[in-house]
């Protein structure tokens, strides 16, 4: 019998830049699980499209998954690969850019809140210990469907 995974979850506010003159404040759920130790998840409310118009039949949230190391790196220097880019900004803020076929979303977070979340994940699984918790059979099964 295996132990239950450690789950870290924190809800933070983010500012979504809808246009250069219009922003929206969102509640974003940050999630981490010790049974998926390399990844962090950000769940965004899906009730608005990238242009800020309501979506009538949207799912409750849209989740983006990316590497925990990317979050750590992006708090101190511009970092990013593929669809997810992070960079520090003025006044202790952190900018997150998400790219998809539908467009680009630019969000601003309080860097201290992201650092707190990252610190909690590192208490759950210290950096360098991720490989000890990886379940290769499960990951392969998920990959092959």
N, C-alpha and C. Protein backbone atom coordinates (compact mmCIF):
# COMPACT_ATOMS: atom_id res chain seq x y z
N UNK A 1 0.83 -1.17 0.00
CA UNK A 1 0.00 0.00 0.00
C UNK A 1 0.89 1.25 0.00
N UNK A 2 0.55 2.19 -0.89
CA UNK A 2 1.33 3.41 -0.97
C UNK A 2 0.65 4.52 -0.18
N UNK A 3 1.46 5.44 0.28
CA UNK A 3 0.93 6.57 1.05
C UNK A 3 0.17 7.52 0.11
N UNK A 4 -0.80 8.20 0.67
CA UNK A 4 -1.54 9.19 -0.11
C UNK A 4 -0.60 10.32 -0.52
N UNK A 5 -0.79 10.85 -1.70
CA UNK A 5 0.10 11.94 -2.14
C UNK A 5 -0.12 13.19 -1.29
N UNK A 6 0.93 13.97 -1.19
CA UNK A 6 0.84 15.27 -0.54
C UNK A 6 0.31 16.25 -1.58
N UNK A 7 -0.69 17.01 -1.23
CA UNK A 7 -1.29 17.98 -2.14
C UNK A 7 -1.08 19.38 -1.57
N UNK A 8 -0.58 20.27 -2.40
CA UNK A 8 -0.40 21.68 -2.03
C UNK A 8 -1.32 22.47 -2.95
N UNK A 9 -2.19 23.28 -2.36
CA UNK A 9 -3.08 24.12 -3.16
C UNK A 9 -3.15 25.50 -2.52
N UNK A 10 -3.11 26.50 -3.38
CA UNK A 10 -3.19 27.88 -2.92
C UNK A 10 -3.97 28.67 -3.96
N UNK A 11 -4.92 29.47 -3.51
CA UNK A 11 -5.68 30.33 -4.41
C UNK A 11 -5.10 31.74 -4.32
N UNK A 12 -4.81 32.31 -5.49
CA UNK A 12 -4.22 33.65 -5.56
C UNK A 12 -5.01 34.49 -6.56
N UNK A 13 -4.79 35.78 -6.51
CA UNK A 13 -5.39 36.67 -7.51
C UNK A 13 -4.39 36.93 -8.61
N UNK A 14 -4.91 37.05 -9.81
CA UNK A 14 -4.09 37.42 -10.96
C UNK A 14 -4.82 38.50 -11.74
N UNK A 15 -4.08 39.32 -12.41
CA UNK A 15 -4.66 40.35 -13.27
C UNK A 15 -4.45 39.90 -14.72
N UNK A 16 -5.55 39.68 -15.43
CA UNK A 16 -5.50 39.30 -16.84
C UNK A 16 -5.58 40.56 -17.68
N UNK A 17 -4.62 40.74 -18.58
CA UNK A 17 -4.62 41.88 -19.48
C UNK A 17 -5.44 41.50 -20.70
N UNK A 18 -6.67 42.03 -20.75
CA UNK A 18 -7.59 41.72 -21.85
C UNK A 18 -7.23 42.55 -23.07
N UNK A 19 -6.99 43.84 -22.87
CA UNK A 19 -6.48 44.74 -23.91
C UNK A 19 -5.46 45.64 -23.22
N UNK A 20 -4.87 46.55 -23.95
CA UNK A 20 -3.90 47.46 -23.33
C UNK A 20 -4.56 48.39 -22.33
N UNK A 21 -5.90 48.57 -22.42
CA UNK A 21 -6.60 49.48 -21.51
C UNK A 21 -7.60 48.77 -20.61
N UNK A 22 -7.67 47.46 -20.68
CA UNK A 22 -8.68 46.74 -19.89
C UNK A 22 -8.07 45.49 -19.27
N UNK A 23 -8.32 45.32 -17.97
CA UNK A 23 -7.85 44.14 -17.26
C UNK A 23 -9.01 43.52 -16.49
N UNK A 24 -8.82 42.28 -16.09
CA UNK A 24 -9.80 41.59 -15.26
C UNK A 24 -9.05 40.88 -14.15
N UNK A 25 -9.62 40.87 -12.96
CA UNK A 25 -9.02 40.18 -11.83
C UNK A 25 -9.62 38.78 -11.75
N UNK A 26 -8.75 37.78 -11.68
CA UNK A 26 -9.17 36.38 -11.64
C UNK A 26 -8.65 35.72 -10.37
N UNK A 27 -9.39 34.74 -9.90
CA UNK A 27 -8.89 33.87 -8.83
C UNK A 27 -8.31 32.64 -9.52
N UNK A 28 -7.06 32.35 -9.21
CA UNK A 28 -6.33 31.26 -9.84
C UNK A 28 -5.94 30.24 -8.77
N UNK A 29 -6.23 28.98 -9.02
CA UNK A 29 -5.84 27.91 -8.08
C UNK A 29 -4.50 27.34 -8.52
N UNK A 30 -3.52 27.42 -7.64
CA UNK A 30 -2.21 26.81 -7.87
C UNK A 30 -2.24 25.44 -7.21
N UNK A 31 -1.80 24.41 -7.93
CA UNK A 31 -1.86 23.05 -7.39
C UNK A 31 -0.56 22.30 -7.66
N UNK A 32 -0.24 21.45 -6.67
CA UNK A 32 0.94 20.59 -6.78
C UNK A 32 0.62 19.28 -6.07
N UNK A 33 1.08 18.18 -6.66
CA UNK A 33 0.88 16.85 -6.05
C UNK A 33 2.22 16.11 -6.02
N UNK A 34 2.49 15.50 -4.89
CA UNK A 34 3.76 14.78 -4.75
C UNK A 34 3.83 13.56 -5.66
N UNK A 35 2.68 13.06 -6.15
CA UNK A 35 2.72 11.92 -7.07
C UNK A 35 2.93 12.36 -8.52
N UNK A 36 3.03 13.66 -8.75
CA UNK A 36 3.41 14.23 -10.05
C UNK A 36 4.43 15.32 -9.75
N UNK A 37 5.60 14.94 -9.22
CA UNK A 37 6.50 15.88 -8.56
C UNK A 37 7.20 16.90 -9.46
N UNK A 38 7.16 16.72 -10.75
CA UNK A 38 7.84 17.66 -11.63
C UNK A 38 6.94 18.80 -12.11
N UNK A 39 5.64 18.68 -11.90
CA UNK A 39 4.68 19.60 -12.49
C UNK A 39 3.97 20.47 -11.46
N UNK A 40 3.64 21.67 -11.88
CA UNK A 40 2.71 22.53 -11.15
C UNK A 40 1.53 22.79 -12.08
N UNK A 41 0.40 23.08 -11.47
CA UNK A 41 -0.80 23.33 -12.25
C UNK A 41 -1.38 24.68 -11.84
N UNK A 42 -1.90 25.39 -12.82
CA UNK A 42 -2.63 26.63 -12.58
C UNK A 42 -3.99 26.46 -13.21
N UNK A 43 -5.03 26.60 -12.39
CA UNK A 43 -6.40 26.46 -12.87
C UNK A 43 -7.05 27.84 -12.91
N UNK A 44 -7.50 28.22 -14.09
CA UNK A 44 -8.11 29.52 -14.32
C UNK A 44 -9.61 29.36 -14.55
N UNK A 45 -10.42 30.31 -14.07
CA UNK A 45 -11.85 30.24 -14.37
C UNK A 45 -12.04 30.38 -15.88
N UNK A 46 -12.92 29.60 -16.44
CA UNK A 46 -13.08 29.57 -17.90
C UNK A 46 -14.28 30.37 -18.39
N UNK A 47 -14.87 31.18 -17.52
CA UNK A 47 -16.08 31.86 -17.96
C UNK A 47 -15.84 33.00 -18.95
N UNK A 48 -14.57 33.40 -19.15
CA UNK A 48 -14.29 34.45 -20.11
C UNK A 48 -13.29 33.96 -21.15
N UNK A 49 -13.49 34.41 -22.39
CA UNK A 49 -12.55 34.10 -23.46
C UNK A 49 -11.39 35.08 -23.37
N UNK A 50 -10.41 34.92 -24.25
CA UNK A 50 -9.25 35.80 -24.23
C UNK A 50 -9.64 37.26 -24.50
N UNK A 51 -10.74 37.49 -25.23
CA UNK A 51 -11.13 38.87 -25.50
C UNK A 51 -12.08 39.44 -24.45
N UNK A 52 -12.35 38.67 -23.38
CA UNK A 52 -13.14 39.16 -22.28
C UNK A 52 -14.64 38.96 -22.43
N UNK A 53 -15.08 38.30 -23.49
CA UNK A 53 -16.51 38.07 -23.66
C UNK A 53 -16.93 36.80 -22.94
N UNK A 54 -18.13 36.80 -22.37
CA UNK A 54 -18.59 35.60 -21.66
C UNK A 54 -18.74 34.40 -22.58
N UNK A 55 -18.41 33.26 -22.09
CA UNK A 55 -18.59 32.01 -22.80
C UNK A 55 -19.78 31.28 -22.18
N UNK A 56 -20.84 31.04 -22.93
CA UNK A 56 -22.06 30.50 -22.33
C UNK A 56 -21.93 29.09 -21.75
N UNK A 57 -21.15 28.24 -22.36
CA UNK A 57 -21.07 26.85 -21.89
C UNK A 57 -19.62 26.45 -21.62
N UNK A 58 -18.93 27.28 -20.91
CA UNK A 58 -17.53 27.03 -20.61
C UNK A 58 -17.40 26.00 -19.49
N UNK A 59 -16.33 25.21 -19.49
CA UNK A 59 -16.06 24.34 -18.34
C UNK A 59 -15.76 25.21 -17.12
N UNK A 60 -15.83 24.65 -15.93
CA UNK A 60 -15.61 25.48 -14.73
C UNK A 60 -14.20 26.08 -14.65
N UNK A 61 -13.22 25.40 -15.20
CA UNK A 61 -11.86 25.94 -15.17
C UNK A 61 -11.03 25.37 -16.31
N UNK A 62 -9.99 26.10 -16.62
CA UNK A 62 -9.01 25.66 -17.61
C UNK A 62 -7.70 25.49 -16.86
N UNK A 63 -7.08 24.33 -16.99
CA UNK A 63 -5.86 24.05 -16.24
C UNK A 63 -4.66 24.01 -17.19
N UNK A 64 -3.62 24.73 -16.81
CA UNK A 64 -2.34 24.70 -17.50
C UNK A 64 -1.36 23.96 -16.60
N UNK A 65 -0.56 23.08 -17.19
CA UNK A 65 0.42 22.29 -16.45
C UNK A 65 1.80 22.61 -17.03
N UNK A 66 2.75 22.89 -16.15
CA UNK A 66 4.12 23.14 -16.61
C UNK A 66 5.10 22.75 -15.51
N UNK A 67 6.36 22.76 -15.85
CA UNK A 67 7.41 22.28 -14.95
C UNK A 67 7.58 23.19 -13.73
N UNK A 68 7.75 22.55 -12.59
CA UNK A 68 7.98 23.30 -11.35
C UNK A 68 9.26 24.13 -11.46
N UNK A 69 10.29 23.61 -12.11
CA UNK A 69 11.53 24.36 -12.25
C UNK A 69 11.31 25.64 -13.04
N UNK A 70 10.34 25.64 -13.98
CA UNK A 70 10.05 26.83 -14.78
C UNK A 70 9.46 27.93 -13.89
N UNK A 71 8.59 27.55 -12.99
CA UNK A 71 8.05 28.53 -12.04
C UNK A 71 9.18 29.11 -11.20
N UNK A 72 10.04 28.26 -10.68
CA UNK A 72 11.16 28.72 -9.85
C UNK A 72 12.08 29.67 -10.63
N UNK A 73 12.42 29.30 -11.84
CA UNK A 73 13.32 30.12 -12.65
C UNK A 73 12.67 31.45 -13.02
N UNK A 74 11.38 31.42 -13.37
CA UNK A 74 10.69 32.62 -13.82
C UNK A 74 10.45 33.66 -12.75
N UNK A 75 10.61 33.29 -11.49
CA UNK A 75 10.48 34.27 -10.41
C UNK A 75 11.69 35.21 -10.35
N UNK A 76 12.82 34.75 -10.90
CA UNK A 76 14.06 35.54 -10.80
C UNK A 76 14.61 36.04 -12.13
N UNK A 77 14.19 35.43 -13.24
CA UNK A 77 14.72 35.82 -14.55
C UNK A 77 13.73 35.37 -15.62
N UNK A 78 13.72 36.05 -16.77
CA UNK A 78 12.84 35.60 -17.84
C UNK A 78 13.12 34.14 -18.18
N UNK A 79 12.06 33.34 -18.21
CA UNK A 79 12.19 31.91 -18.46
C UNK A 79 10.97 31.44 -19.24
N UNK A 80 11.18 30.43 -20.03
CA UNK A 80 10.02 29.89 -20.72
C UNK A 80 10.41 28.94 -21.83
N UNK A 81 9.48 28.06 -22.07
CA UNK A 81 9.63 27.09 -23.14
C UNK A 81 8.26 26.87 -23.74
N UNK A 82 8.18 26.88 -25.05
CA UNK A 82 6.91 26.56 -25.68
C UNK A 82 5.82 27.56 -25.35
N UNK A 83 4.76 27.07 -24.73
CA UNK A 83 3.56 27.86 -24.50
C UNK A 83 3.53 28.62 -23.19
N UNK A 84 4.50 28.43 -22.31
CA UNK A 84 4.49 29.06 -20.98
C UNK A 84 5.79 29.85 -20.79
N UNK A 85 5.62 31.14 -20.48
CA UNK A 85 6.76 32.03 -20.23
C UNK A 85 6.49 32.84 -18.97
N UNK A 86 7.50 32.95 -18.12
CA UNK A 86 7.40 33.72 -16.87
C UNK A 86 8.56 34.70 -16.81
N UNK A 87 8.31 35.84 -16.14
CA UNK A 87 9.39 36.80 -15.93
C UNK A 87 9.05 37.69 -14.75
N UNK A 88 10.06 38.12 -14.01
CA UNK A 88 9.81 39.07 -12.93
C UNK A 88 9.45 40.42 -13.52
N UNK A 89 8.67 41.19 -12.78
CA UNK A 89 8.28 42.54 -13.20
C UNK A 89 8.49 43.50 -12.03
N UNK A 90 8.19 44.74 -12.25
CA UNK A 90 8.38 45.77 -11.22
C UNK A 90 7.51 45.51 -9.99
N UNK A 91 7.94 46.05 -8.89
CA UNK A 91 7.19 46.02 -7.62
C UNK A 91 6.86 44.61 -7.14
N UNK A 92 7.78 43.66 -7.36
CA UNK A 92 7.60 42.31 -6.85
C UNK A 92 6.54 41.50 -7.58
N UNK A 93 6.17 41.91 -8.75
CA UNK A 93 5.18 41.19 -9.55
C UNK A 93 5.87 40.17 -10.44
N UNK A 94 5.09 39.20 -10.90
CA UNK A 94 5.58 38.20 -11.86
C UNK A 94 4.59 38.13 -13.00
N UNK A 95 5.10 38.18 -14.22
CA UNK A 95 4.26 38.11 -15.41
C UNK A 95 4.28 36.68 -15.95
N UNK A 96 3.11 36.21 -16.36
CA UNK A 96 2.95 34.88 -16.95
C UNK A 96 2.30 35.05 -18.30
N UNK A 97 2.92 34.50 -19.32
CA UNK A 97 2.36 34.53 -20.67
C UNK A 97 2.05 33.10 -21.09
N UNK A 98 0.79 32.89 -21.46
CA UNK A 98 0.34 31.57 -21.92
C UNK A 98 -0.05 31.69 -23.38
N UNK A 99 0.48 30.80 -24.20
CA UNK A 99 0.22 30.84 -25.64
C UNK A 99 -0.53 29.58 -26.05
N UNK A 100 -1.58 29.77 -26.84
CA UNK A 100 -2.33 28.63 -27.36
C UNK A 100 -2.80 28.97 -28.77
N UNK A 101 -3.45 28.03 -29.42
CA UNK A 101 -3.98 28.27 -30.76
C UNK A 101 -5.02 29.39 -30.75
N UNK A 102 -5.70 29.59 -29.60
CA UNK A 102 -6.73 30.62 -29.48
C UNK A 102 -6.14 32.01 -29.29
N UNK A 103 -4.89 32.10 -28.88
CA UNK A 103 -4.28 33.40 -28.67
C UNK A 103 -3.28 33.38 -27.54
N UNK A 104 -2.98 34.57 -27.03
CA UNK A 104 -2.00 34.75 -25.96
C UNK A 104 -2.69 35.41 -24.78
N UNK A 105 -2.45 34.88 -23.59
CA UNK A 105 -2.97 35.49 -22.36
C UNK A 105 -1.78 35.99 -21.55
N UNK A 106 -1.88 37.23 -21.09
CA UNK A 106 -0.85 37.83 -20.25
C UNK A 106 -1.45 38.09 -18.88
N UNK A 107 -0.82 37.53 -17.85
CA UNK A 107 -1.32 37.66 -16.48
C UNK A 107 -0.24 38.18 -15.58
N UNK A 108 -0.66 38.92 -14.56
CA UNK A 108 0.27 39.45 -13.56
C UNK A 108 -0.10 38.88 -12.20
N UNK A 109 0.92 38.38 -11.49
CA UNK A 109 0.75 37.81 -10.16
C UNK A 109 1.59 38.56 -9.15
N UNK A 110 1.22 38.46 -7.90
CA UNK A 110 2.07 38.92 -6.80
C UNK A 110 3.18 37.87 -6.66
N UNK A 111 4.41 38.27 -6.92
CA UNK A 111 5.53 37.33 -6.87
C UNK A 111 5.68 36.65 -5.52
N UNK A 112 5.36 37.36 -4.43
CA UNK A 112 5.48 36.76 -3.09
C UNK A 112 4.52 35.59 -2.93
N UNK A 113 3.32 35.69 -3.51
CA UNK A 113 2.37 34.58 -3.42
C UNK A 113 2.88 33.37 -4.19
N UNK A 114 3.46 33.60 -5.35
CA UNK A 114 4.02 32.48 -6.12
C UNK A 114 5.21 31.86 -5.40
N UNK A 115 6.03 32.70 -4.77
CA UNK A 115 7.17 32.18 -4.01
C UNK A 115 6.70 31.33 -2.82
N UNK A 116 5.65 31.76 -2.15
CA UNK A 116 5.10 31.00 -1.03
C UNK A 116 4.63 29.64 -1.51
N UNK A 117 3.89 29.62 -2.61
CA UNK A 117 3.41 28.35 -3.16
C UNK A 117 4.60 27.45 -3.51
N UNK A 118 5.59 28.00 -4.18
CA UNK A 118 6.77 27.22 -4.56
C UNK A 118 7.46 26.66 -3.31
N UNK A 119 7.60 27.46 -2.27
CA UNK A 119 8.23 27.00 -1.02
C UNK A 119 7.46 25.83 -0.42
N UNK A 120 6.12 25.89 -0.46
CA UNK A 120 5.30 24.79 0.06
C UNK A 120 5.51 23.52 -0.77
N UNK A 121 5.65 23.66 -2.08
CA UNK A 121 5.89 22.46 -2.90
C UNK A 121 7.25 21.86 -2.59
N UNK A 122 8.22 22.72 -2.28
CA UNK A 122 9.56 22.22 -1.96
C UNK A 122 9.61 21.55 -0.59
N UNK A 123 8.70 21.94 0.30
CA UNK A 123 8.57 21.22 1.57
C UNK A 123 7.97 19.84 1.33
N UNK A 124 7.03 19.76 0.40
CA UNK A 124 6.39 18.47 0.08
C UNK A 124 7.36 17.53 -0.61
N UNK A 125 8.10 18.06 -1.59
CA UNK A 125 9.10 17.28 -2.33
C UNK A 125 10.30 18.18 -2.57
N UNK A 126 11.38 17.99 -1.82
CA UNK A 126 12.56 18.82 -2.01
C UNK A 126 13.14 18.68 -3.42
N UNK A 127 13.73 19.77 -3.89
CA UNK A 127 14.36 19.75 -5.20
C UNK A 127 15.42 18.65 -5.21
N UNK A 128 15.42 17.84 -6.24
CA UNK A 128 16.34 16.72 -6.36
C UNK A 128 15.75 15.39 -5.95
N UNK A 129 14.64 15.42 -5.20
CA UNK A 129 13.99 14.18 -4.75
C UNK A 129 12.85 13.74 -5.67
N UNK A 130 12.58 14.51 -6.72
CA UNK A 130 11.45 14.20 -7.60
C UNK A 130 11.54 12.79 -8.19
N UNK A 131 12.73 12.38 -8.59
CA UNK A 131 12.90 11.07 -9.24
C UNK A 131 12.52 9.92 -8.30
N UNK A 132 12.65 10.14 -7.01
CA UNK A 132 12.30 9.10 -6.04
C UNK A 132 10.80 8.83 -6.01
N UNK A 133 10.02 9.80 -6.47
CA UNK A 133 8.56 9.68 -6.39
C UNK A 133 7.89 9.42 -7.74
N UNK A 134 8.67 9.40 -8.79
CA UNK A 134 8.08 9.17 -10.11
C UNK A 134 7.63 7.72 -10.25
N UNK A 135 6.44 7.55 -10.78
CA UNK A 135 5.89 6.22 -11.05
C UNK A 135 5.92 6.02 -12.56
N UNK A 136 7.00 5.42 -13.06
CA UNK A 136 7.20 5.26 -14.50
C UNK A 136 6.08 4.44 -15.15
N UNK A 137 5.61 3.40 -14.48
CA UNK A 137 4.53 2.59 -15.05
C UNK A 137 3.25 3.39 -15.21
N UNK A 138 2.90 4.18 -14.22
CA UNK A 138 1.69 5.00 -14.30
C UNK A 138 1.83 6.05 -15.39
N UNK A 139 2.99 6.70 -15.46
CA UNK A 139 3.21 7.72 -16.47
C UNK A 139 3.12 7.13 -17.87
N UNK A 140 3.68 5.95 -18.07
CA UNK A 140 3.61 5.30 -19.37
C UNK A 140 2.17 4.91 -19.71
N UNK A 141 1.43 4.42 -18.74
CA UNK A 141 0.03 4.06 -18.96
C UNK A 141 -0.79 5.28 -19.35
N UNK A 142 -0.55 6.42 -18.68
CA UNK A 142 -1.27 7.65 -19.01
C UNK A 142 -0.90 8.14 -20.40
N UNK A 143 0.36 8.02 -20.76
CA UNK A 143 0.82 8.45 -22.07
C UNK A 143 0.21 7.62 -23.18
N UNK A 144 0.11 6.31 -22.97
CA UNK A 144 -0.42 5.42 -24.00
C UNK A 144 -1.94 5.33 -23.99
N UNK A 145 -2.55 5.92 -22.96
CA UNK A 145 -4.01 5.98 -22.88
C UNK A 145 -4.61 4.69 -22.55
